[in-house]
Amino acid sequence: MSTVSTELVDFDPFSGAVVERVLLSTEAQREVWLACELSEQASLAYNESVRLRLKGTLDAGAMQGALDALVARHDALRSSFGPDGAEMIVLAAAPGQWPGEDLRGLASVDRETALAALLAAEVSTLFNLAEGPLFRARIVRLAEDETLVLMTAHHIVCDGWSWGVIVNTLGQLYDAQRGLA
């Protein structure tokens, strides 16, 4: 005689998110998850940001497409964690929300002040490990021929080595979106 067991899953069917798969988290991820549960300041310490300063005219549509393709390619960038940190939940790829800021009309001093405020806000904004996403990007237009792409991820899904891969991949995907690859 076989028995059937069921397990309750905390999943909101109306959220629009589709779970692609559930994986066991690593011991290192569980340690980071636990540290983040201790305090907001501990969690903020794990925010990692990268700034890419692009020279030349930005193809905004290509950059949006490149960011979508980047997240589709890397499971960790569309992951969240279960309520006890033991599972990493990978969501199906979907187009992202990549906010933009246009600082081109500001005087140089005001532009630098606004940029500093954006950067400070980015590193001081918490990630919700249970809800995700644990990666975000913002496109900041500084001048007609200068753009900043600001990407931030939680260390639980992205480390220093990963940033090298992400930046390289984003460049390739941007070129491909523009038809240059």
N, C-alpha and C. Protein backbone atom coordinates (compact mmCIF):
# COMPACT_ATOMS: atom_id res chain seq x y z
N MET A 1 0.85 -1.17 0.00
CA MET A 1 0.00 0.00 0.00
C MET A 1 0.89 1.24 0.00
N SER A 2 0.61 2.16 -0.89
CA SER A 2 1.40 3.39 -0.93
C SER A 2 0.62 4.51 -0.26
N THR A 3 1.36 5.45 0.24
CA THR A 3 0.73 6.60 0.88
C THR A 3 1.07 7.85 0.08
N VAL A 4 0.19 8.78 0.12
CA VAL A 4 0.38 10.05 -0.56
C VAL A 4 0.53 11.13 0.49
N SER A 5 1.57 11.92 0.34
CA SER A 5 1.72 13.03 1.27
C SER A 5 1.59 14.34 0.50
N THR A 6 1.08 15.31 1.18
CA THR A 6 0.94 16.63 0.56
C THR A 6 1.69 17.63 1.41
N GLU A 7 2.11 18.69 0.76
CA GLU A 7 2.82 19.74 1.46
C GLU A 7 2.22 21.08 1.05
N LEU A 8 1.91 21.91 2.01
CA LEU A 8 1.38 23.23 1.70
C LEU A 8 2.49 24.10 1.14
N VAL A 9 2.18 24.83 0.09
CA VAL A 9 3.13 25.73 -0.53
C VAL A 9 2.55 27.13 -0.47
N ASP A 10 3.34 28.07 0.04
CA ASP A 10 2.90 29.45 0.12
C ASP A 10 3.12 30.09 -1.25
N PHE A 11 2.08 30.08 -2.08
CA PHE A 11 2.17 30.60 -3.44
C PHE A 11 0.90 31.38 -3.75
N ASP A 12 1.06 32.59 -4.23
CA ASP A 12 -0.07 33.44 -4.58
C ASP A 12 -0.36 33.28 -6.07
N PRO A 13 -1.43 32.59 -6.43
CA PRO A 13 -1.71 32.35 -7.85
C PRO A 13 -2.09 33.62 -8.60
N PHE A 14 -2.35 34.70 -7.90
CA PHE A 14 -2.75 35.93 -8.54
C PHE A 14 -1.60 36.91 -8.71
N SER A 15 -0.40 36.51 -8.28
CA SER A 15 0.74 37.42 -8.35
C SER A 15 1.26 37.58 -9.76
N GLY A 16 0.92 36.65 -10.66
CA GLY A 16 1.41 36.72 -12.03
C GLY A 16 2.75 36.04 -12.21
N ALA A 17 3.43 35.70 -11.13
CA ALA A 17 4.72 35.05 -11.20
C ALA A 17 4.52 33.54 -11.38
N VAL A 18 5.31 32.98 -12.27
CA VAL A 18 5.24 31.55 -12.52
C VAL A 18 6.54 30.91 -12.03
N VAL A 19 6.42 29.95 -11.14
CA VAL A 19 7.60 29.27 -10.61
C VAL A 19 8.11 28.29 -11.65
N GLU A 20 9.37 28.46 -12.03
CA GLU A 20 9.99 27.57 -13.00
C GLU A 20 10.51 26.32 -12.31
N ARG A 21 11.17 26.52 -11.18
CA ARG A 21 11.66 25.37 -10.40
C ARG A 21 12.06 25.83 -9.00
N VAL A 22 12.17 24.86 -8.11
CA VAL A 22 12.61 25.11 -6.74
C VAL A 22 13.84 24.27 -6.50
N LEU A 23 14.89 24.91 -6.01
CA LEU A 23 16.17 24.24 -5.74
C LEU A 23 16.51 24.39 -4.27
N LEU A 24 17.32 23.48 -3.77
CA LEU A 24 17.84 23.65 -2.41
C LEU A 24 18.88 24.76 -2.44
N SER A 25 18.83 25.63 -1.46
CA SER A 25 19.84 26.68 -1.38
C SER A 25 21.14 26.08 -0.86
N THR A 26 22.24 26.79 -1.12
CA THR A 26 23.54 26.32 -0.64
C THR A 26 23.71 26.70 0.83
N GLU A 27 24.69 26.10 1.46
CA GLU A 27 24.96 26.45 2.86
C GLU A 27 25.31 27.93 2.98
N ALA A 28 26.10 28.45 2.04
CA ALA A 28 26.47 29.86 2.07
C ALA A 28 25.24 30.76 1.90
N GLN A 29 24.33 30.38 1.03
CA GLN A 29 23.10 31.17 0.87
C GLN A 29 22.26 31.14 2.14
N ARG A 30 22.19 29.99 2.80
CA ARG A 30 21.42 29.91 4.05
C ARG A 30 22.06 30.78 5.13
N GLU A 31 23.39 30.86 5.15
CA GLU A 31 24.07 31.72 6.12
C GLU A 31 23.75 33.19 5.85
N VAL A 32 23.79 33.60 4.58
CA VAL A 32 23.46 34.98 4.23
C VAL A 32 22.00 35.26 4.56
N TRP A 33 21.12 34.32 4.24
CA TRP A 33 19.69 34.48 4.53
C TRP A 33 19.49 34.71 6.03
N LEU A 34 20.15 33.91 6.86
CA LEU A 34 20.01 34.04 8.32
C LEU A 34 20.52 35.41 8.79
N ALA A 35 21.65 35.85 8.27
CA ALA A 35 22.18 37.16 8.65
C ALA A 35 21.18 38.26 8.29
N CYS A 36 20.54 38.13 7.14
CA CYS A 36 19.58 39.14 6.71
C CYS A 36 18.33 39.15 7.57
N GLU A 37 17.99 38.01 8.13
CA GLU A 37 16.83 37.94 9.02
C GLU A 37 17.08 38.65 10.34
N LEU A 38 18.34 38.83 10.70
CA LEU A 38 18.67 39.44 11.99
C LEU A 38 18.35 40.93 12.03
N SER A 39 18.61 41.64 10.92
CA SER A 39 18.30 43.07 10.91
C SER A 39 18.32 43.62 9.49
N GLU A 40 17.64 44.75 9.31
CA GLU A 40 17.65 45.41 8.01
C GLU A 40 19.06 45.87 7.65
N GLN A 41 19.80 46.36 8.64
CA GLN A 41 21.16 46.83 8.36
C GLN A 41 22.05 45.68 7.88
N ALA A 42 21.88 44.52 8.45
CA ALA A 42 22.65 43.36 8.00
C ALA A 42 22.29 43.03 6.56
N SER A 43 21.00 43.08 6.23
CA SER A 43 20.57 42.79 4.87
C SER A 43 21.11 43.83 3.89
N LEU A 44 21.07 45.11 4.26
CA LEU A 44 21.59 46.16 3.38
C LEU A 44 23.08 46.00 3.11
N ALA A 45 23.80 45.43 4.06
CA ALA A 45 25.24 45.22 3.87
C ALA A 45 25.52 44.27 2.71
N TYR A 46 24.53 43.48 2.31
CA TYR A 46 24.69 42.53 1.21
C TYR A 46 24.25 43.09 -0.14
N ASN A 47 23.81 44.34 -0.20
CA ASN A 47 23.49 44.95 -1.49
C ASN A 47 24.80 45.21 -2.23
N GLU A 48 24.86 44.79 -3.48
CA GLU A 48 26.05 45.01 -4.31
C GLU A 48 25.62 45.73 -5.58
N SER A 49 26.27 46.85 -5.87
CA SER A 49 25.91 47.63 -7.05
C SER A 49 27.10 47.76 -7.99
N VAL A 50 26.77 47.83 -9.26
CA VAL A 50 27.75 48.06 -10.32
C VAL A 50 27.21 49.20 -11.18
N ARG A 51 28.09 50.14 -11.53
CA ARG A 51 27.72 51.25 -12.41
C ARG A 51 28.49 51.12 -13.71
N LEU A 52 27.77 51.15 -14.80
CA LEU A 52 28.40 51.14 -16.12
C LEU A 52 28.17 52.51 -16.75
N ARG A 53 29.23 53.22 -17.02
CA ARG A 53 29.11 54.53 -17.67
C ARG A 53 29.35 54.31 -19.16
N LEU A 54 28.29 54.54 -19.93
CA LEU A 54 28.34 54.31 -21.37
C LEU A 54 28.51 55.64 -22.10
N LYS A 55 29.44 55.67 -23.04
CA LYS A 55 29.66 56.86 -23.87
C LYS A 55 29.06 56.59 -25.24
N GLY A 56 28.43 57.59 -25.82
CA GLY A 56 27.77 57.45 -27.11
C GLY A 56 26.27 57.47 -26.92
N THR A 57 25.57 57.44 -28.03
CA THR A 57 24.11 57.48 -28.00
C THR A 57 23.56 56.13 -27.56
N LEU A 58 22.71 56.14 -26.57
CA LEU A 58 22.11 54.91 -26.06
C LEU A 58 20.90 54.53 -26.90
N ASP A 59 20.83 53.25 -27.23
CA ASP A 59 19.62 52.68 -27.83
C ASP A 59 18.83 52.11 -26.65
N ALA A 60 17.88 52.91 -26.13
CA ALA A 60 17.16 52.53 -24.91
C ALA A 60 16.39 51.23 -25.07
N GLY A 61 15.77 51.03 -26.23
CA GLY A 61 15.03 49.78 -26.47
C GLY A 61 15.95 48.57 -26.45
N ALA A 62 17.14 48.72 -27.04
CA ALA A 62 18.11 47.63 -27.05
C ALA A 62 18.60 47.34 -25.64
N MET A 63 18.80 48.38 -24.83
CA MET A 63 19.25 48.15 -23.45
C MET A 63 18.16 47.46 -22.64
N GLN A 64 16.91 47.86 -22.82
CA GLN A 64 15.79 47.20 -22.12
C GLN A 64 15.75 45.72 -22.53
N GLY A 65 15.87 45.46 -23.83
CA GLY A 65 15.86 44.08 -24.32
C GLY A 65 17.04 43.29 -23.80
N ALA A 66 18.21 43.93 -23.72
CA ALA A 66 19.41 43.26 -23.21
C ALA A 66 19.24 42.90 -21.73
N LEU A 67 18.65 43.81 -20.95
CA LEU A 67 18.41 43.51 -19.53
C LEU A 67 17.42 42.36 -19.38
N ASP A 68 16.36 42.36 -20.19
CA ASP A 68 15.40 41.24 -20.16
C ASP A 68 16.10 39.92 -20.50
N ALA A 69 16.93 39.94 -21.55
CA ALA A 69 17.64 38.73 -21.96
C ALA A 69 18.65 38.28 -20.90
N LEU A 70 19.28 39.24 -20.23
CA LEU A 70 20.23 38.93 -19.16
C LEU A 70 19.53 38.16 -18.04
N VAL A 71 18.39 38.67 -17.61
CA VAL A 71 17.64 38.02 -16.53
C VAL A 71 17.11 36.66 -16.98
N ALA A 72 16.70 36.56 -18.24
CA ALA A 72 16.24 35.27 -18.75
C ALA A 72 17.37 34.25 -18.77
N ARG A 73 18.59 34.70 -19.02
CA ARG A 73 19.74 33.80 -19.13
C ARG A 73 20.24 33.32 -17.78
N HIS A 74 20.14 34.15 -16.75
CA HIS A 74 20.72 33.84 -15.43
C HIS A 74 19.61 33.61 -14.39
N ASP A 75 19.38 32.36 -14.04
CA ASP A 75 18.33 31.99 -13.09
C ASP A 75 18.41 32.78 -11.78
N ALA A 76 19.62 32.99 -11.29
CA ALA A 76 19.78 33.65 -9.99
C ALA A 76 19.18 35.06 -9.98
N LEU A 77 19.16 35.72 -11.14
CA LEU A 77 18.66 37.09 -11.20
C LEU A 77 17.14 37.16 -11.15
N ARG A 78 16.48 36.03 -11.24
CA ARG A 78 15.01 36.01 -11.12
C ARG A 78 14.58 35.04 -10.01
N SER A 79 15.39 34.97 -8.98
CA SER A 79 15.13 34.04 -7.87
C SER A 79 14.71 34.76 -6.61
N SER A 80 14.06 34.00 -5.75
CA SER A 80 13.77 34.44 -4.39
C SER A 80 14.00 33.23 -3.50
N PHE A 81 13.73 33.37 -2.21
CA PHE A 81 14.01 32.28 -1.27
C PHE A 81 12.79 31.95 -0.43
N GLY A 82 12.68 30.69 -0.06
CA GLY A 82 11.58 30.23 0.76
C GLY A 82 11.61 30.87 2.13
N PRO A 83 10.56 30.66 2.92
CA PRO A 83 10.42 31.34 4.21
C PRO A 83 11.47 30.98 5.24
N ASP A 84 12.17 29.86 5.05
CA ASP A 84 13.23 29.51 5.99
C ASP A 84 14.61 29.55 5.34
N GLY A 85 14.69 30.04 4.09
CA GLY A 85 15.96 30.16 3.39
C GLY A 85 16.51 28.86 2.83
N ALA A 86 15.79 27.76 3.01
CA ALA A 86 16.29 26.46 2.58
C ALA A 86 16.11 26.21 1.08
N GLU A 87 15.23 26.98 0.45
CA GLU A 87 14.97 26.77 -0.97
C GLU A 87 15.14 28.06 -1.76
N MET A 88 15.69 27.92 -2.94
CA MET A 88 15.79 29.02 -3.89
C MET A 88 14.71 28.78 -4.93
N ILE A 89 13.84 29.76 -5.11
CA ILE A 89 12.71 29.65 -6.02
C ILE A 89 13.03 30.45 -7.28
N VAL A 90 13.12 29.75 -8.40
CA VAL A 90 13.43 30.39 -9.67
C VAL A 90 12.12 30.64 -10.41
N LEU A 91 11.87 31.90 -10.71
CA LEU A 91 10.66 32.27 -11.44
C LEU A 91 10.93 32.21 -12.94
N ALA A 92 9.88 31.98 -13.70
CA ALA A 92 10.00 31.98 -15.15
C ALA A 92 10.39 33.38 -15.62
N ALA A 93 11.14 33.43 -16.71
CA ALA A 93 11.56 34.72 -17.25
C ALA A 93 10.36 35.51 -17.75
N ALA A 94 10.38 36.80 -17.50
CA ALA A 94 9.32 37.71 -17.95
C ALA A 94 9.96 39.07 -18.15
N PRO A 95 9.41 39.89 -19.02
CA PRO A 95 9.97 41.23 -19.20
C PRO A 95 10.03 41.98 -17.88
N GLY A 96 11.12 42.69 -17.66
CA GLY A 96 11.32 43.39 -16.40
C GLY A 96 10.87 44.84 -16.46
N GLN A 97 10.88 45.45 -15.31
CA GLN A 97 10.61 46.87 -15.19
C GLN A 97 11.96 47.54 -14.94
N TRP A 98 12.48 48.24 -15.93
CA TRP A 98 13.79 48.87 -15.82
C TRP A 98 13.58 50.38 -15.83
N PRO A 99 13.42 50.97 -14.65
CA PRO A 99 13.13 52.40 -14.60
C PRO A 99 14.27 53.24 -15.17
N GLY A 100 13.89 54.36 -15.70
CA GLY A 100 14.87 55.29 -16.24
C GLY A 100 14.77 56.64 -15.56
N GLU A 101 15.88 57.31 -15.52
CA GLU A 101 15.94 58.67 -14.98
C GLU A 101 16.60 59.53 -16.05
N ASP A 102 16.06 60.68 -16.30
CA ASP A 102 16.63 61.59 -17.28
C ASP A 102 17.14 62.83 -16.57
N LEU A 103 18.45 62.93 -16.44
CA LEU A 103 19.06 64.07 -15.75
C LEU A 103 19.70 65.03 -16.74
N ARG A 104 19.44 64.86 -18.03
CA ARG A 104 20.08 65.67 -19.06
C ARG A 104 19.76 67.15 -18.96
N GLY A 105 18.60 67.49 -18.48
CA GLY A 105 18.21 68.90 -18.43
C GLY A 105 18.74 69.66 -17.23
N LEU A 106 19.43 68.97 -16.34
CA LEU A 106 19.92 69.63 -15.12
C LEU A 106 21.29 70.25 -15.33
N ALA A 107 21.54 71.32 -14.58
CA ALA A 107 22.88 71.91 -14.57
C ALA A 107 23.85 70.89 -13.98
N SER A 108 25.11 71.01 -14.31
CA SER A 108 26.12 70.02 -13.92
C SER A 108 26.11 69.72 -12.42
N VAL A 109 26.07 70.76 -11.60
CA VAL A 109 26.07 70.57 -10.14
C VAL A 109 24.80 69.86 -9.69
N ASP A 110 23.67 70.26 -10.23
CA ASP A 110 22.40 69.64 -9.87
C ASP A 110 22.35 68.18 -10.34
N ARG A 111 22.92 67.93 -11.52
CA ARG A 111 22.95 66.57 -12.05
C ARG A 111 23.77 65.66 -11.12
N GLU A 112 24.92 66.13 -10.67
CA GLU A 112 25.77 65.34 -9.78
C GLU A 112 25.08 65.12 -8.43
N THR A 113 24.35 66.12 -7.94
CA THR A 113 23.60 65.98 -6.68
C THR A 113 22.49 64.94 -6.85
N ALA A 114 21.76 65.03 -7.96
CA ALA A 114 20.67 64.08 -8.21
C ALA A 114 21.23 62.67 -8.38
N LEU A 115 22.36 62.54 -9.06
CA LEU A 115 22.97 61.23 -9.26
C LEU A 115 23.43 60.65 -7.93
N ALA A 116 24.04 61.46 -7.09
CA ALA A 116 24.48 60.99 -5.77
C ALA A 116 23.29 60.51 -4.95
N ALA A 117 22.16 61.22 -5.03
CA ALA A 117 20.95 60.81 -4.31
C ALA A 117 20.42 59.48 -4.85
N LEU A 118 20.43 59.31 -6.19
CA LEU A 118 19.99 58.04 -6.78
C LEU A 118 20.87 56.88 -6.32
N LEU A 119 22.18 57.10 -6.33
CA LEU A 119 23.11 56.04 -5.92
C LEU A 119 22.91 55.68 -4.45
N ALA A 120 22.74 56.69 -3.61
CA ALA A 120 22.53 56.44 -2.18
C ALA A 120 21.22 55.69 -1.95
N ALA A 121 20.18 56.07 -2.68
CA ALA A 121 18.89 55.39 -2.53
C ALA A 121 18.99 53.94 -2.98
N GLU A 122 19.75 53.70 -4.04
CA GLU A 122 19.87 52.35 -4.57
C GLU A 122 20.50 51.40 -3.56
N VAL A 123 21.59 51.80 -2.93
CA VAL A 123 22.26 50.90 -1.99
C VAL A 123 21.54 50.82 -0.65
N SER A 124 20.62 51.75 -0.40
CA SER A 124 19.90 51.71 0.88
C SER A 124 18.47 51.19 0.74
N THR A 125 18.14 50.62 -0.41
CA THR A 125 16.83 50.02 -0.61
C THR A 125 16.93 48.52 -0.40
N LEU A 126 16.15 48.03 0.54
CA LEU A 126 16.18 46.60 0.89
C LEU A 126 15.63 45.73 -0.24
N PHE A 127 16.16 44.53 -0.33
CA PHE A 127 15.58 43.49 -1.15
C PHE A 127 14.72 42.62 -0.23
N ASN A 128 13.61 42.15 -0.73
CA ASN A 128 12.79 41.20 0.01
C ASN A 128 13.17 39.81 -0.49
N LEU A 129 13.90 39.06 0.33
CA LEU A 129 14.42 37.76 -0.10
C LEU A 129 13.32 36.76 -0.41
N ALA A 130 12.16 36.91 0.22
CA ALA A 130 11.07 35.96 0.00
C ALA A 130 10.25 36.31 -1.25
N GLU A 131 10.18 37.57 -1.59
CA GLU A 131 9.36 37.97 -2.73
C GLU A 131 10.16 38.25 -3.99
N GLY A 132 11.41 38.70 -3.84
CA GLY A 132 12.22 39.04 -4.99
C GLY A 132 11.61 40.23 -5.72
N PRO A 133 12.10 40.62 -6.85
CA PRO A 133 13.33 40.11 -7.43
C PRO A 133 14.54 40.57 -6.61
N LEU A 134 15.64 39.85 -6.77
CA LEU A 134 16.85 40.15 -6.03
C LEU A 134 17.89 40.82 -6.93
N PHE A 135 17.42 41.34 -8.06
CA PHE A 135 18.24 42.07 -9.01
C PHE A 135 17.39 43.22 -9.54
N ARG A 136 17.99 44.38 -9.66
CA ARG A 136 17.30 45.50 -10.27
C ARG A 136 18.31 46.33 -11.07
N ALA A 137 17.78 47.04 -12.04
CA ALA A 137 18.63 47.89 -12.88
C ALA A 137 17.89 49.19 -13.16
N ARG A 138 18.66 50.23 -13.35
CA ARG A 138 18.12 51.56 -13.61
C ARG A 138 19.00 52.20 -14.69
N ILE A 139 18.37 52.83 -15.66
CA ILE A 139 19.08 53.50 -16.74
C ILE A 139 18.99 55.00 -16.49
N VAL A 140 20.14 55.65 -16.32
CA VAL A 140 20.18 57.07 -15.98
C VAL A 140 20.85 57.82 -17.13
N ARG A 141 20.08 58.68 -17.79
CA ARG A 141 20.62 59.49 -18.88
C ARG A 141 21.27 60.73 -18.28
N LEU A 142 22.57 60.89 -18.50
CA LEU A 142 23.32 62.03 -17.96
C LEU A 142 23.50 63.14 -18.99
N ALA A 143 23.71 62.74 -20.24
CA ALA A 143 23.88 63.68 -21.35
C ALA A 143 23.45 62.96 -22.62
N GLU A 144 23.41 63.68 -23.74
CA GLU A 144 23.01 63.04 -25.00
C GLU A 144 23.92 61.87 -25.33
N ASP A 145 25.18 61.97 -24.93
CA ASP A 145 26.15 60.92 -25.28
C ASP A 145 26.72 60.21 -24.05
N GLU A 146 25.99 60.25 -22.94
CA GLU A 146 26.48 59.60 -21.72
C GLU A 146 25.30 59.06 -20.90
N THR A 147 25.40 57.76 -20.59
CA THR A 147 24.35 57.07 -19.84
C THR A 147 25.00 56.22 -18.76
N LEU A 148 24.34 56.15 -17.63
CA LEU A 148 24.79 55.28 -16.56
C LEU A 148 23.78 54.15 -16.42
N VAL A 149 24.25 52.92 -16.44
CA VAL A 149 23.40 51.76 -16.16
C VAL A 149 23.79 51.30 -14.77
N LEU A 150 22.88 51.41 -13.84
CA LEU A 150 23.11 51.05 -12.45
C LEU A 150 22.41 49.73 -12.18
N MET A 151 23.18 48.72 -11.81
CA MET A 151 22.62 47.41 -11.49
C MET A 151 22.94 47.07 -10.04
N THR A 152 21.96 46.55 -9.35
CA THR A 152 22.13 46.16 -7.96
C THR A 152 21.53 44.77 -7.77
N ALA A 153 22.24 43.94 -7.03
CA ALA A 153 21.75 42.60 -6.71
C ALA A 153 22.08 42.30 -5.26
N HIS A 154 21.36 41.38 -4.70
CA HIS A 154 21.66 40.94 -3.34
C HIS A 154 22.76 39.89 -3.43
N HIS A 155 23.69 39.93 -2.49
CA HIS A 155 24.83 39.01 -2.49
C HIS A 155 24.39 37.53 -2.43
N ILE A 156 23.20 37.26 -1.96
CA ILE A 156 22.73 35.88 -1.86
C ILE A 156 22.61 35.23 -3.26
N VAL A 157 22.50 36.06 -4.32
CA VAL A 157 22.41 35.54 -5.68
C VAL A 157 23.54 36.02 -6.58
N CYS A 158 24.38 36.92 -6.12
CA CYS A 158 25.40 37.50 -6.99
C CYS A 158 26.61 37.92 -6.16
N ASP A 159 27.79 37.49 -6.60
CA ASP A 159 29.02 37.89 -5.90
C ASP A 159 29.92 38.65 -6.87
N GLY A 160 31.11 38.99 -6.42
CA GLY A 160 32.03 39.77 -7.24
C GLY A 160 32.37 39.09 -8.56
N TRP A 161 32.62 37.80 -8.55
CA TRP A 161 32.93 37.07 -9.77
C TRP A 161 31.73 37.09 -10.71
N SER A 162 30.54 36.94 -10.15
CA SER A 162 29.32 36.94 -10.96
C SER A 162 29.14 38.26 -11.69
N TRP A 163 29.52 39.37 -11.04
CA TRP A 163 29.37 40.68 -11.69
C TRP A 163 30.17 40.75 -12.97
N GLY A 164 31.37 40.15 -12.98
CA GLY A 164 32.17 40.13 -14.20
C GLY A 164 31.43 39.42 -15.33
N VAL A 165 30.80 38.30 -15.01
CA VAL A 165 30.03 37.55 -16.00
C VAL A 165 28.82 38.36 -16.45
N ILE A 166 28.13 38.97 -15.51
CA ILE A 166 26.92 39.74 -15.82
C ILE A 166 27.23 40.93 -16.72
N VAL A 167 28.27 41.68 -16.40
CA VAL A 167 28.63 42.85 -17.19
C VAL A 167 29.04 42.44 -18.60
N ASN A 168 29.85 41.40 -18.72
CA ASN A 168 30.27 40.90 -20.03
C ASN A 168 29.06 40.44 -20.84
N THR A 169 28.18 39.67 -20.20
CA THR A 169 26.98 39.17 -20.88
C THR A 169 26.08 40.32 -21.32
N LEU A 170 25.90 41.32 -20.46
CA LEU A 170 25.05 42.47 -20.82
C LEU A 170 25.61 43.17 -22.05
N GLY A 171 26.92 43.35 -22.12
CA GLY A 171 27.52 43.98 -23.29
C GLY A 171 27.24 43.19 -24.57
N GLN A 172 27.39 41.88 -24.50
CA GLN A 172 27.12 41.02 -25.66
C GLN A 172 25.65 41.09 -26.06
N LEU A 173 24.77 41.06 -25.07
CA LEU A 173 23.34 41.09 -25.36
C LEU A 173 22.91 42.44 -25.91
N TYR A 174 23.49 43.52 -25.43
CA TYR A 174 23.19 44.86 -25.96
C TYR A 174 23.62 44.95 -27.42
N ASP A 175 24.82 44.45 -27.71
CA ASP A 175 25.28 44.45 -29.11
C ASP A 175 24.35 43.61 -29.97
N ALA A 176 23.93 42.46 -29.46
CA ALA A 176 23.02 41.59 -30.24
C ALA A 176 21.68 42.27 -30.47
N GLN A 177 21.16 42.97 -29.47
CA GLN A 177 19.89 43.69 -29.62
C GLN A 177 20.00 44.79 -30.68
N ARG A 178 21.19 45.35 -30.80
CA ARG A 178 21.43 46.42 -31.78
C ARG A 178 21.82 45.84 -33.14
N GLY A 179 21.91 44.52 -33.24
CA GLY A 179 22.29 43.90 -34.50
C GLY A 179 23.76 43.95 -34.81
N LEU A 180 24.59 44.10 -33.77
CA LEU A 180 26.04 44.21 -33.96
C LEU A 180 26.77 42.91 -33.68
N ALA A 181 26.07 41.90 -33.22
CA ALA A 181 26.75 40.65 -32.85
C ALA A 181 26.76 39.67 -34.00
